[in-house]
N, C-alpha and C. Protein backbone atom coordinates (compact mmCIF):
# COMPACT_ATOMS: atom_id res chain seq x y z
N MET A 1 1.30 -1.14 -0.16
CA MET A 1 -0.21 0.27 0.20
C MET A 1 0.93 1.67 0.01
N SER A 2 0.87 2.28 -1.28
CA SER A 2 1.21 3.58 -0.92
C SER A 2 0.75 4.18 -0.17
N SER A 3 1.68 5.05 0.52
CA SER A 3 2.16 5.90 1.48
C SER A 3 1.04 7.24 1.01
N GLY A 4 0.47 7.47 0.19
CA GLY A 4 -0.16 7.91 -0.59
C GLY A 4 -2.02 8.02 -0.63
N SER A 5 -2.02 6.56 -0.45
CA SER A 5 -3.38 5.79 -0.48
C SER A 5 -3.94 6.37 1.55
N PRO A 6 -5.44 6.73 1.20
CA PRO A 6 -6.57 7.04 2.41
C PRO A 6 -6.11 5.98 3.05
N ALA A 7 -6.18 6.08 4.38
CA ALA A 7 -6.19 5.31 5.94
C ALA A 7 -7.53 4.55 6.04
N TRP A 8 -7.29 3.43 5.99
CA TRP A 8 -8.72 2.63 6.12
C TRP A 8 -9.06 3.14 7.55
N ALA A 9 -10.09 3.57 7.94
CA ALA A 9 -11.26 3.93 9.51
C ALA A 9 -12.36 2.87 9.41
N ALA A 10 -12.28 2.56 10.99
CA ALA A 10 -13.13 1.57 10.92
C ALA A 10 -15.15 2.51 11.31
N PRO A 11 -15.84 1.28 10.63
CA PRO A 11 -17.17 1.98 11.03
C PRO A 11 -17.45 2.72 12.30
N GLN A 12 -17.98 3.84 12.81
CA GLN A 12 -18.56 3.79 13.87
C GLN A 12 -19.30 3.57 14.69
N GLU A 13 -20.12 2.93 15.73
CA GLU A 13 -20.91 2.50 16.31
C GLU A 13 -21.72 3.80 16.69
N SER A 14 -22.88 3.36 16.70
CA SER A 14 -24.13 4.16 16.97
C SER A 14 -23.56 4.22 18.70
N PRO A 15 -23.70 5.44 19.33
CA PRO A 15 -23.58 5.87 21.08
C PRO A 15 -25.05 4.94 21.38
N ARG A 16 -24.17 4.44 23.19
CA ARG A 16 -25.57 3.30 23.42
C ARG A 16 -26.26 4.39 24.22
N PRO A 17 -27.44 4.17 24.37
CA PRO A 17 -28.59 4.90 25.09
C PRO A 17 -28.08 5.96 26.63
N ASP A 18 -27.02 4.99 26.95
CA ASP A 18 -26.71 5.72 28.19
C ASP A 18 -25.67 6.34 28.17
N GLU A 19 -24.99 6.48 26.86
CA GLU A 19 -24.00 7.21 26.54
C GLU A 19 -24.14 8.87 25.51
N LEU A 20 -25.73 8.72 25.61
CA LEU A 20 -26.33 10.33 24.58
C LEU A 20 -26.68 11.40 25.59
N SER A 21 -26.08 12.49 25.09
CA SER A 21 -25.73 13.49 25.58
C SER A 21 -27.41 13.79 26.31
N PRO A 22 -26.60 14.41 27.62
CA PRO A 22 -28.31 15.12 28.22
C PRO A 22 -29.38 15.43 27.36
N TRP A 23 -28.81 16.26 26.22
CA TRP A 23 -29.80 17.20 25.73
C TRP A 23 -31.07 16.42 24.74
N VAL A 24 -30.26 15.21 24.77
CA VAL A 24 -31.30 14.40 24.06
C VAL A 24 -32.73 13.74 24.80
N GLU A 25 -32.12 14.03 26.21
CA GLU A 25 -32.70 13.78 26.97
C GLU A 25 -34.51 14.34 27.62
N ILE A 26 -33.77 16.01 27.18
CA ILE A 26 -34.63 16.86 27.99
C ILE A 26 -36.48 17.15 27.38
N PRO A 27 -36.16 16.45 25.77
CA PRO A 27 -37.90 16.17 25.21
C PRO A 27 -38.49 15.36 26.05
N ARG A 28 -37.90 14.42 26.58
CA ARG A 28 -38.45 13.17 27.46
C ARG A 28 -38.87 13.37 28.69
N ARG A 29 -38.00 14.70 29.54
CA ARG A 29 -38.37 14.81 30.74
C ARG A 29 -39.54 16.06 30.75
N ALA A 30 -39.28 16.45 29.82
CA ALA A 30 -40.25 17.89 29.71
C ALA A 30 -41.75 17.93 30.30
N PRO A 31 -42.39 16.67 29.71
CA PRO A 31 -43.68 17.09 30.32
C PRO A 31 -43.87 16.83 32.24
N ARG A 32 -42.61 15.70 32.07
CA ARG A 32 -43.27 15.82 33.76
C ARG A 32 -42.74 16.63 34.87
N TYR A 33 -41.85 17.30 34.56
CA TYR A 33 -41.48 18.90 35.00
C TYR A 33 -42.53 19.24 35.06
N LEU A 34 -43.28 19.96 33.63
CA LEU A 34 -44.22 20.90 33.50
C LEU A 34 -45.76 19.93 34.41
N LEU A 35 -45.30 18.60 34.51
CA LEU A 35 -46.71 18.49 35.56
C LEU A 35 -46.63 18.67 36.95
N VAL A 36 -45.06 18.31 37.15
CA VAL A 36 -44.98 18.72 38.84
C VAL A 36 -44.94 20.53 38.77
N GLY A 37 -44.81 21.10 38.24
CA GLY A 37 -45.10 22.67 38.37
C GLY A 37 -46.46 22.70 38.22
N VAL A 38 -47.23 22.05 37.37
CA VAL A 38 -48.67 22.49 37.43
C VAL A 38 -48.91 22.24 38.84
N ALA A 39 -48.65 20.94 39.34
CA ALA A 39 -49.32 20.79 40.33
C ALA A 39 -49.09 21.58 41.98
N LEU A 40 -47.69 22.06 41.47
CA LEU A 40 -46.97 22.83 43.11
C LEU A 40 -48.16 23.92 42.39
N MET A 41 -48.38 25.05 41.29
CA MET A 41 -49.53 25.94 40.94
C MET A 41 -50.77 25.76 41.70
N VAL A 42 -51.23 24.77 41.46
CA VAL A 42 -52.38 24.09 42.08
C VAL A 42 -52.72 23.95 43.80
N VAL A 43 -51.28 23.44 44.02
CA VAL A 43 -51.38 23.43 45.63
C VAL A 43 -51.20 24.32 46.65
N CYS A 44 -50.09 25.76 45.62
CA CYS A 44 -50.38 27.10 46.56
C CYS A 44 -51.09 27.67 46.31
N SER A 45 -52.08 27.78 45.25
CA SER A 45 -53.85 28.41 45.16
C SER A 45 -54.41 27.97 46.36
N LEU A 46 -54.30 26.35 46.35
CA LEU A 46 -55.37 25.96 47.73
C LEU A 46 -54.68 26.59 48.47
N LEU A 47 -53.63 26.70 49.43
CA LEU A 47 -53.07 27.28 50.08
C LEU A 47 -53.24 28.77 50.44
N PHE A 48 -53.36 29.37 49.68
CA PHE A 48 -53.86 30.91 49.81
C PHE A 48 -55.27 30.91 50.16
N GLY A 49 -55.58 30.05 49.61
CA GLY A 49 -57.20 30.34 49.49
C GLY A 49 -57.76 30.15 50.70
N LEU A 50 -56.80 28.87 51.59
CA LEU A 50 -57.40 28.62 52.76
C LEU A 50 -56.94 29.47 53.99
N TRP A 51 -55.76 30.08 53.58
CA TRP A 51 -54.98 31.49 54.42
C TRP A 51 -56.13 32.31 54.53
N ALA A 52 -56.53 32.66 53.11
CA ALA A 52 -57.11 34.17 52.83
C ALA A 52 -59.09 33.76 53.47
N LEU A 53 -58.86 32.43 53.90
CA LEU A 53 -60.30 32.44 54.42
C LEU A 53 -60.10 32.48 56.41
N ARG A 54 -59.22 32.54 56.75
CA ARG A 54 -58.50 32.21 57.68
C ARG A 54 -58.51 33.56 58.49
N VAL A 55 -58.26 34.32 57.99
CA VAL A 55 -58.31 35.94 57.95
C VAL A 55 -59.04 36.95 57.83
N ASP A 56 -60.16 36.65 56.46
CA ASP A 56 -60.69 37.54 56.43
C ASP A 56 -61.83 37.78 57.23
N PRO A 57 -61.54 39.09 58.23
CA PRO A 57 -62.83 39.51 59.10
C PRO A 57 -64.09 39.94 59.22
N ALA A 58 -64.65 39.41 57.94
CA ALA A 58 -65.92 39.91 58.06
C ALA A 58 -66.58 38.65 58.51
N THR A 59 -67.67 38.85 58.88
CA THR A 59 -68.80 38.48 59.39
C THR A 59 -70.24 37.75 59.12
N SER A 60 -70.66 36.55 58.79
CA SER A 60 -72.05 36.42 57.93
C SER A 60 -73.14 36.89 59.24
N VAL A 61 -73.61 37.74 58.67
CA VAL A 61 -75.02 38.66 59.68
C VAL A 61 -76.32 38.06 58.98
N LEU A 62 -77.37 38.67 59.61
CA LEU A 62 -78.71 38.69 59.06
C LEU A 62 -79.12 40.13 58.76
N ALA A 63 -79.82 40.53 57.77
CA ALA A 63 -80.17 41.64 57.07
C ALA A 63 -81.53 41.60 57.16
N VAL A 64 -82.18 42.38 56.76
CA VAL A 64 -83.69 42.07 56.33
C VAL A 64 -83.48 42.60 55.27
N ALA A 65 -84.74 41.48 54.21
CA ALA A 65 -84.52 41.12 53.16
C ALA A 65 -85.96 41.81 52.37
N ARG A 66 -86.71 42.41 53.11
CA ARG A 66 -87.75 43.00 53.04
C ARG A 66 -88.65 43.85 54.33
N PRO A 67 -89.50 44.93 54.14
CA PRO A 67 -89.92 45.62 54.83
C PRO A 67 -90.82 44.85 55.73
N VAL A 68 -90.73 45.15 57.07
CA VAL A 68 -91.58 44.16 57.84
C VAL A 68 -92.24 44.89 58.92
N PRO A 69 -93.58 44.99 58.99
CA PRO A 69 -94.20 46.54 60.03
C PRO A 69 -93.87 45.33 61.17
N ALA A 70 -94.10 46.88 62.31
CA ALA A 70 -93.91 46.33 63.88
C ALA A 70 -94.85 45.45 63.77
N GLY A 71 -95.11 43.95 65.07
CA GLY A 71 -95.48 43.65 65.82
C GLY A 71 -96.05 42.19 64.57
N ALA A 72 -95.59 42.38 63.83
CA ALA A 72 -95.73 41.13 62.67
C ALA A 72 -94.45 40.13 63.06
N ALA A 73 -94.64 38.73 62.73
CA ALA A 73 -93.78 37.55 63.07
C ALA A 73 -92.23 37.35 61.60
N ILE A 74 -91.63 37.27 62.06
CA ILE A 74 -90.49 37.69 61.34
C ILE A 74 -90.39 36.07 60.77
N THR A 75 -90.48 36.15 59.33
CA THR A 75 -90.24 34.82 58.82
C THR A 75 -88.90 34.48 57.94
N GLU A 76 -89.08 33.57 57.33
CA GLU A 76 -87.51 32.80 56.35
C GLU A 76 -87.22 34.28 55.58
N ALA A 77 -88.62 34.47 55.04
CA ALA A 77 -88.36 35.08 53.46
C ALA A 77 -87.91 36.62 53.73
N ASP A 78 -87.98 36.78 55.30
CA ASP A 78 -87.93 38.47 55.91
C ASP A 78 -86.36 38.58 55.35
N LEU A 79 -85.21 37.85 56.11
CA LEU A 79 -84.20 37.76 56.51
C LEU A 79 -83.24 37.36 55.00
N GLN A 80 -82.22 38.02 54.83
CA GLN A 80 -80.96 37.64 54.14
C GLN A 80 -80.12 37.15 55.01
N VAL A 81 -78.73 36.54 54.25
CA VAL A 81 -77.41 37.04 54.67
C VAL A 81 -76.44 37.85 54.26
N VAL A 82 -75.62 38.78 54.98
CA VAL A 82 -74.76 39.81 54.17
C VAL A 82 -73.38 39.45 55.29
N ARG A 83 -72.24 39.52 54.74
CA ARG A 83 -70.72 39.64 55.15
C ARG A 83 -70.36 41.09 55.58
N VAL A 84 -69.84 41.08 56.35
CA VAL A 84 -69.77 42.87 57.23
C VAL A 84 -68.59 42.32 57.95
N VAL A 85 -68.08 43.84 58.25
CA VAL A 85 -67.27 43.74 59.43
C VAL A 85 -67.98 44.78 60.22
N PRO A 86 -69.02 44.32 61.54
CA PRO A 86 -69.18 45.10 62.09
C PRO A 86 -68.34 45.55 62.94
N ASP A 87 -68.50 47.23 63.90
CA ASP A 87 -67.83 48.05 64.68
C ASP A 87 -68.34 46.92 65.75
N PRO A 88 -67.12 47.06 66.29
CA PRO A 88 -67.10 46.37 68.04
C PRO A 88 -68.05 46.67 68.53
N GLY A 89 -68.75 47.86 68.45
CA GLY A 89 -69.91 48.24 69.35
C GLY A 89 -71.43 48.12 68.84
N MET A 90 -71.18 47.18 67.94
CA MET A 90 -72.51 46.97 66.93
C MET A 90 -73.03 45.66 67.06
N ALA A 91 -74.22 46.09 67.33
CA ALA A 91 -74.54 44.96 67.92
C ALA A 91 -75.67 44.40 66.53
N VAL A 92 -75.14 42.68 66.33
CA VAL A 92 -75.88 42.45 65.26
C VAL A 92 -76.80 40.96 65.57
N VAL A 93 -77.36 40.30 64.54
CA VAL A 93 -77.64 38.85 64.63
C VAL A 93 -76.61 38.05 63.52
N THR A 94 -76.05 37.38 64.34
CA THR A 94 -75.10 36.11 63.39
C THR A 94 -76.09 35.27 62.68
N GLU A 95 -75.58 34.50 61.45
CA GLU A 95 -76.36 33.64 60.25
C GLU A 95 -76.57 32.56 61.20
N ALA A 96 -75.75 32.15 62.08
CA ALA A 96 -75.82 30.47 63.42
C ALA A 96 -77.25 31.08 63.92
N GLU A 97 -77.54 32.02 64.57
CA GLU A 97 -78.65 32.28 65.22
C GLU A 97 -79.75 32.97 64.75
N ARG A 98 -80.10 32.70 63.41
CA ARG A 98 -81.11 32.58 62.80
C ARG A 98 -82.02 31.81 63.04
N ALA A 99 -81.88 30.58 63.63
CA ALA A 99 -83.37 30.15 64.39
C ALA A 99 -84.02 30.95 65.74
N THR A 100 -82.93 31.62 66.59
CA THR A 100 -83.64 32.40 67.40
C THR A 100 -84.61 33.93 67.01
N VAL A 101 -84.74 33.39 65.84
CA VAL A 101 -85.47 34.85 65.12
C VAL A 101 -86.61 34.62 64.59
N VAL A 102 -86.29 33.96 63.53
CA VAL A 102 -87.80 33.59 63.16
C VAL A 102 -88.87 32.75 63.39
N GLY A 103 -89.80 33.74 63.48
CA GLY A 103 -91.19 33.32 64.62
C GLY A 103 -91.07 33.92 65.28
N ARG A 104 -90.40 35.17 65.77
CA ARG A 104 -90.30 36.28 66.77
C ARG A 104 -91.40 37.33 66.07
N THR A 105 -91.78 38.45 66.68
CA THR A 105 -92.36 39.74 66.38
C THR A 105 -90.90 40.31 66.70
N ALA A 106 -91.36 41.39 65.26
CA ALA A 106 -90.71 42.50 65.05
C ALA A 106 -91.09 43.63 66.23
N THR A 107 -90.13 44.15 66.76
CA THR A 107 -90.39 44.82 68.02
C THR A 107 -90.84 46.42 67.45
N VAL A 108 -89.94 46.71 66.59
CA VAL A 108 -90.39 48.15 65.56
C VAL A 108 -90.40 47.95 63.54
N PRO A 109 -90.69 49.19 63.07
CA PRO A 109 -90.73 48.42 61.74
C PRO A 109 -89.18 48.38 61.44
N LEU A 110 -89.06 47.09 60.66
CA LEU A 110 -88.10 47.01 59.94
C LEU A 110 -87.87 47.22 58.31
N VAL A 111 -86.66 48.24 58.27
CA VAL A 111 -86.39 48.21 56.66
C VAL A 111 -85.27 47.47 56.57
N ALA A 112 -85.93 47.57 54.75
CA ALA A 112 -85.28 46.19 53.49
C ALA A 112 -83.77 46.85 53.66
N GLY A 113 -82.68 45.90 54.20
CA GLY A 113 -81.31 46.39 53.60
C GLY A 113 -80.30 46.75 55.07
N ALA A 114 -81.56 47.49 56.18
CA ALA A 114 -80.93 47.56 57.28
C ALA A 114 -80.37 45.61 58.37
N LEU A 115 -79.59 45.70 58.78
CA LEU A 115 -78.64 44.71 59.85
C LEU A 115 -80.21 44.46 60.90
N LEU A 116 -80.36 43.20 61.28
CA LEU A 116 -81.05 42.80 62.17
C LEU A 116 -80.00 42.89 63.70
N ALA A 117 -80.50 43.73 64.56
CA ALA A 117 -80.51 43.79 65.99
C ALA A 117 -81.10 43.05 66.84
N PRO A 118 -80.50 42.51 67.90
CA PRO A 118 -81.38 42.07 68.85
C PRO A 118 -82.33 42.55 69.89
N GLY A 119 -82.22 44.10 69.54
CA GLY A 119 -83.33 44.48 69.89
C GLY A 119 -84.36 44.99 69.03
N HIS A 120 -84.32 44.68 67.76
CA HIS A 120 -85.40 44.18 66.93
C HIS A 120 -86.31 42.94 67.08
N VAL A 121 -85.73 42.20 68.06
CA VAL A 121 -86.93 40.92 67.87
C VAL A 121 -87.40 40.77 69.45
N GLY A 122 -88.32 41.02 69.41
CA GLY A 122 -89.04 40.20 71.07
C GLY A 122 -90.06 40.91 71.09
N ALA A 123 -91.11 40.93 72.18
CA ALA A 123 -92.31 41.50 72.59
C ALA A 123 -92.35 42.95 71.37
N ALA A 124 -93.25 43.37 71.47
CA ALA A 124 -93.27 44.61 70.52
C ALA A 124 -93.64 46.04 71.15
N LYS A 125 -92.94 46.73 70.66
CA LYS A 125 -92.73 48.07 71.11
C LYS A 125 -92.72 49.09 70.74
N TRP A 126 -93.88 48.72 70.14
CA TRP A 126 -94.75 50.04 68.68
C TRP A 126 -95.97 50.30 69.50
N PRO A 127 -96.70 51.29 68.89
CA PRO A 127 -95.26 52.67 69.03
C PRO A 127 -95.06 53.22 70.48
N PRO A 128 -93.42 54.00 70.10
CA PRO A 128 -92.78 54.68 71.30
C PRO A 128 -93.76 54.91 72.30
N ALA A 129 -93.04 55.50 73.54
CA ALA A 129 -94.43 56.17 74.57
C ALA A 129 -94.60 57.50 73.91
N GLY A 130 -95.21 58.32 73.95
CA GLY A 130 -95.68 59.42 73.42
C GLY A 130 -95.72 59.71 71.93
N GLU A 131 -95.92 58.56 71.08
CA GLU A 131 -96.16 58.56 69.69
C GLU A 131 -97.20 58.11 69.53
N SER A 132 -97.68 58.31 68.82
CA SER A 132 -98.97 57.02 68.05
C SER A 132 -98.83 57.16 66.17
N VAL A 133 -99.13 56.01 65.93
CA VAL A 133 -99.46 56.05 64.51
C VAL A 133 -100.73 55.79 63.96
N VAL A 134 -101.16 56.92 62.85
CA VAL A 134 -102.86 56.80 62.20
C VAL A 134 -102.35 56.69 60.83
N GLY A 135 -103.83 56.65 60.29
CA GLY A 135 -103.72 56.33 58.92
C GLY A 135 -104.57 56.86 58.39
N VAL A 136 -104.23 57.96 57.17
CA VAL A 136 -104.79 59.05 56.72
C VAL A 136 -104.56 58.93 55.41
N PRO A 137 -105.96 59.02 54.84
CA PRO A 137 -105.83 58.79 53.27
C PRO A 137 -105.61 60.18 52.55
N VAL A 138 -104.84 60.04 51.39
CA VAL A 138 -103.77 60.94 50.62
C VAL A 138 -104.43 60.45 49.67
N ALA A 139 -105.05 61.78 48.54
CA ALA A 139 -105.84 61.92 47.26
C ALA A 139 -104.51 61.55 46.21
N ALA A 140 -104.75 61.45 45.07
CA ALA A 140 -103.62 61.49 44.17
C ALA A 140 -103.12 62.42 43.69
N GLY A 141 -101.98 62.76 44.02
CA GLY A 141 -101.32 64.11 44.04
C GLY A 141 -100.95 65.61 45.14
N ARG A 142 -101.23 64.39 45.84
CA ARG A 142 -101.17 64.99 47.58
C ARG A 142 -100.21 64.69 48.02
N MET A 143 -99.21 63.88 47.48
CA MET A 143 -98.03 62.95 48.02
C MET A 143 -97.02 63.12 46.87
N PRO A 144 -95.27 62.72 47.62
CA PRO A 144 -95.10 62.80 46.67
C PRO A 144 -94.69 61.09 45.69
N ALA A 145 -94.40 61.39 44.73
CA ALA A 145 -94.04 59.76 44.45
C ALA A 145 -92.68 58.66 44.81
N GLY A 146 -92.97 58.09 45.02
CA GLY A 146 -91.85 57.56 45.57
C GLY A 146 -91.67 57.54 47.43
N LEU A 147 -92.39 57.52 48.08
CA LEU A 147 -93.10 57.54 49.05
C LEU A 147 -92.61 55.95 49.71
N SER A 148 -91.80 56.10 51.13
CA SER A 148 -91.56 54.74 51.27
C SER A 148 -91.38 54.79 53.03
N LEU A 149 -91.13 52.90 53.26
CA LEU A 149 -91.39 52.83 54.84
C LEU A 149 -90.30 53.99 55.46
N GLY A 150 -90.12 54.63 56.18
CA GLY A 150 -89.03 55.33 56.79
C GLY A 150 -88.96 56.57 56.24
N SER A 151 -89.87 57.44 55.11
CA SER A 151 -89.43 58.55 54.69
C SER A 151 -89.66 59.64 56.07
N ARG A 152 -89.32 60.37 56.01
CA ARG A 152 -89.65 61.92 56.34
C ARG A 152 -90.53 62.75 55.95
N VAL A 153 -92.06 63.24 56.86
CA VAL A 153 -92.89 64.07 55.67
C VAL A 153 -92.93 65.31 56.49
N SER A 154 -93.23 66.38 56.00
CA SER A 154 -93.93 67.19 57.05
C SER A 154 -95.92 66.99 56.25
N VAL A 155 -96.62 67.28 57.06
CA VAL A 155 -98.12 66.88 57.43
C VAL A 155 -98.53 68.15 57.26
N LEU A 156 -99.17 68.73 55.90
CA LEU A 156 -100.08 69.96 55.81
C LEU A 156 -101.66 70.00 55.85
N VAL A 157 -102.18 70.31 56.56
CA VAL A 157 -103.37 70.35 56.72
C VAL A 157 -104.50 71.41 56.47
N PRO A 158 -104.82 70.78 54.64
CA PRO A 158 -106.16 72.35 54.55
C PRO A 158 -107.02 72.96 55.14
N GLY A 159 -107.05 74.09 54.93
CA GLY A 159 -107.78 74.80 55.80
C GLY A 159 -108.57 75.82 54.98
N GLY A 160 -109.86 75.72 54.50
CA GLY A 160 -110.76 76.80 53.67
C GLY A 160 -110.10 76.79 52.53
N ASP A 161 -109.77 77.99 52.19
CA ASP A 161 -109.63 77.99 50.61
C ASP A 161 -108.40 77.98 51.06
N ALA A 162 -106.73 78.13 52.03
CA ALA A 162 -105.87 78.31 51.95
C ALA A 162 -105.20 76.77 52.69
N VAL A 163 -104.38 76.53 52.57
CA VAL A 163 -103.10 75.80 53.38
C VAL A 163 -102.44 76.34 54.36
N GLU A 164 -102.92 75.70 55.55
CA GLU A 164 -102.11 76.20 56.68
C GLU A 164 -101.73 74.79 57.19
N VAL A 165 -100.76 75.14 58.55
CA VAL A 165 -99.84 74.14 58.84
C VAL A 165 -100.67 73.79 60.23
N ARG A 166 -101.14 72.64 61.02
CA ARG A 166 -101.52 72.76 62.39
C ARG A 166 -100.80 71.58 63.18
N PRO A 167 -100.29 71.41 63.89
CA PRO A 167 -99.00 72.85 64.35
C PRO A 167 -98.62 73.40 63.44
N PRO A 168 -97.57 74.03 63.59
CA PRO A 168 -96.86 75.00 62.73
C PRO A 168 -95.94 74.05 62.03
N VAL A 169 -95.70 73.13 62.60
CA VAL A 169 -94.72 71.61 61.77
C VAL A 169 -95.57 70.70 62.49
N VAL A 170 -96.14 69.56 61.86
CA VAL A 170 -96.21 68.37 62.11
C VAL A 170 -95.41 67.36 61.05
N SER A 171 -94.29 66.54 61.85
CA SER A 171 -93.35 66.19 61.16
C SER A 171 -93.29 64.67 61.58
N GLY A 172 -93.22 63.93 60.86
CA GLY A 172 -93.41 62.58 61.62
C GLY A 172 -92.72 61.43 60.08
N SER A 173 -92.57 60.42 60.46
CA SER A 173 -92.42 58.99 59.55
C SER A 173 -93.31 58.25 58.73
N VAL A 174 -93.32 57.93 57.76
CA VAL A 174 -94.31 56.94 57.06
C VAL A 174 -93.75 55.50 57.46
N VAL A 175 -94.64 54.85 57.86
CA VAL A 175 -94.54 52.90 58.50
C VAL A 175 -95.07 52.41 57.46
N ALA A 176 -96.20 52.87 56.63
CA ALA A 176 -96.64 52.26 55.83
C ALA A 176 -97.41 52.84 54.38
N VAL A 177 -97.27 52.34 53.38
CA VAL A 177 -98.22 52.96 52.41
C VAL A 177 -99.18 52.09 51.77
N GLU A 178 -100.71 51.90 51.87
CA GLU A 178 -100.77 50.93 50.85
C GLU A 178 -100.97 51.69 49.50
N PRO A 179 -101.52 50.34 48.18
CA PRO A 179 -101.71 50.81 47.01
C PRO A 179 -102.68 51.57 47.01
N PRO A 180 -103.23 52.69 46.12
CA PRO A 180 -104.42 53.64 45.60
C PRO A 180 -105.59 52.73 45.40
N SER A 181 -106.25 53.18 45.73
CA SER A 181 -108.02 52.40 45.54
C SER A 181 -108.24 52.91 44.27
N VAL A 182 -109.59 52.36 43.70
CA VAL A 182 -110.05 52.71 42.47
C VAL A 182 -109.85 54.02 42.64
N ALA A 183 -110.55 54.88 43.09
CA ALA A 183 -110.52 56.00 43.40
C ALA A 183 -109.24 57.04 43.20
N GLY A 184 -108.14 56.47 43.51
CA GLY A 184 -107.01 57.12 43.74
C GLY A 184 -106.50 57.47 45.26
N VAL A 185 -107.45 56.81 45.85
CA VAL A 185 -106.60 57.33 47.51
C VAL A 185 -106.12 56.20 47.82
N SER A 186 -104.80 56.63 48.81
CA SER A 186 -103.59 55.47 49.35
C SER A 186 -103.59 56.34 50.56
N THR A 187 -103.93 55.23 51.73
CA THR A 187 -103.79 55.51 52.82
C THR A 187 -102.54 55.04 53.53
N VAL A 188 -102.04 55.91 53.90
CA VAL A 188 -100.96 55.96 54.36
C VAL A 188 -100.41 56.14 56.24
N SER A 189 -99.89 55.41 56.62
CA SER A 189 -99.52 55.52 57.97
C SER A 189 -98.71 55.98 58.41
N LEU A 190 -98.54 57.27 59.54
CA LEU A 190 -97.62 57.82 59.88
C LEU A 190 -97.72 57.32 61.07
N LEU A 191 -96.52 57.81 61.72
CA LEU A 191 -95.96 57.79 63.45
C LEU A 191 -95.59 59.22 63.49
N LEU A 192 -96.43 59.71 64.55
CA LEU A 192 -96.39 61.01 64.75
C LEU A 192 -96.49 61.50 66.10
N ALA A 193 -96.16 62.41 67.18
CA ALA A 193 -96.42 62.90 68.35
C ALA A 193 -97.75 62.76 68.64
N THR A 194 -98.52 61.85 70.11
CA THR A 194 -99.51 61.65 69.94
C THR A 194 -100.31 62.37 69.71
N ASP A 195 -100.04 64.22 70.20
CA ASP A 195 -101.13 65.49 70.01
C ASP A 195 -101.00 65.84 68.92
N ASP A 196 -100.23 65.47 67.68
CA ASP A 196 -99.97 65.71 66.04
C ASP A 196 -100.88 64.72 65.63
N ALA A 197 -100.68 63.51 66.27
CA ALA A 197 -101.57 62.51 65.19
C ALA A 197 -103.24 62.78 65.59
N LEU A 198 -103.61 62.75 66.91
CA LEU A 198 -105.41 63.51 66.92
C LEU A 198 -105.49 64.53 66.07
N GLN A 199 -104.98 65.32 65.82
CA GLN A 199 -105.29 66.71 64.89
C GLN A 199 -105.55 66.01 63.28
N VAL A 200 -103.99 65.03 63.06
CA VAL A 200 -103.80 64.92 61.84
C VAL A 200 -105.41 64.02 61.28
N ALA A 201 -105.40 62.83 62.44
CA ALA A 201 -106.71 62.40 62.32
C ALA A 201 -107.80 63.03 62.15
N ALA A 202 -108.21 63.76 62.77
CA ALA A 202 -109.56 64.80 62.89
C ALA A 202 -109.51 65.97 61.68
N ALA A 203 -108.29 66.08 60.76
CA ALA A 203 -108.61 66.66 59.78
C ALA A 203 -109.23 65.85 58.49
N GLY A 204 -108.92 64.67 58.37
CA GLY A 204 -109.52 63.71 57.20
C GLY A 204 -108.76 63.88 55.92
N GLU A 205 -108.30 65.02 55.17
CA GLU A 205 -107.74 65.46 54.08
C GLU A 205 -106.31 65.93 54.68
N VAL A 206 -105.09 65.63 54.47
CA VAL A 206 -104.17 66.02 54.35
C VAL A 206 -102.92 66.22 53.21
N VAL A 207 -101.89 66.75 52.83
CA VAL A 207 -100.77 66.81 52.18
C VAL A 207 -99.51 66.75 52.42
N LEU A 208 -98.82 65.24 52.17
CA LEU A 208 -97.65 64.87 52.74
C LEU A 208 -96.30 66.09 51.73
N ILE A 209 -95.49 65.91 52.96
CA ILE A 209 -94.73 66.43 51.77
C ILE A 209 -93.00 65.87 51.89
N LEU A 210 -92.42 65.63 50.90
CA LEU A 210 -91.24 64.82 51.92
C LEU A 210 -89.91 65.54 52.23
N GLU A 211 -89.55 65.73 53.54
CA GLU A 211 -88.27 65.91 54.17
C GLU A 211 -87.10 65.42 53.55
N HIS A 212 -86.34 66.35 53.84
CA HIS A 212 -85.00 65.99 53.52
C HIS A 212 -84.18 65.14 54.33
N PRO A 213 -83.28 64.03 54.10
CA PRO A 213 -82.81 63.39 54.96
C PRO A 213 -82.36 64.28 56.28
N ALA A 214 -82.11 63.78 57.11
CA ALA A 214 -81.40 64.58 58.48
C ALA A 214 -79.86 63.67 57.89
N GLY A 215 -79.34 64.99 57.89
CA GLY A 215 -77.55 64.58 57.64
C GLY A 215 -77.41 64.70 56.05
N GLY A 216 -78.52 64.73 55.79
CA GLY A 216 -77.84 64.68 54.17
C GLY A 216 -77.45 66.21 53.24
């Protein structure tokens, strides 16, 4: 063989699986790493959710779902559950105490959306001492639209051809509004000082003026 002839080279053998470069194995291991990462994310999310529930300062309490007149029995439909962070000095009824409330009497008119307090339930204490509830017929056009439970009103008693006030200022709260009759007359129940209630009841026909809310 001449020195110029190329040297014979033995064919190279394919590398064994255990000799493959780590780069070759990455695609086969990637799904495993991905599953582990997803599992860690799920676990962390669950732990965070449990931690958030434990540190949530809100409390589930009972609120009034719809108006309830004083002296009426409180039903399940009258209540709703809300979550609030009550002030330390605020008296509330918790959701766990629902059974102690249902079936008992509302001591005062309950307004929809208001938080229920222990003092709102028990023997009726209505109307308060020195005050009376009077129902007055109000003709169409003699009261503002949207009058509802809790509205503060001034009561004007017509006299002759002029409108005069008896006494100079008769102010009270609406405790109920009945739908108008066929004749367009609505019966509105008002909480007034007893002397004022007697005068309004004797007048028969009144005009109601909606007052600006106190502090508004």
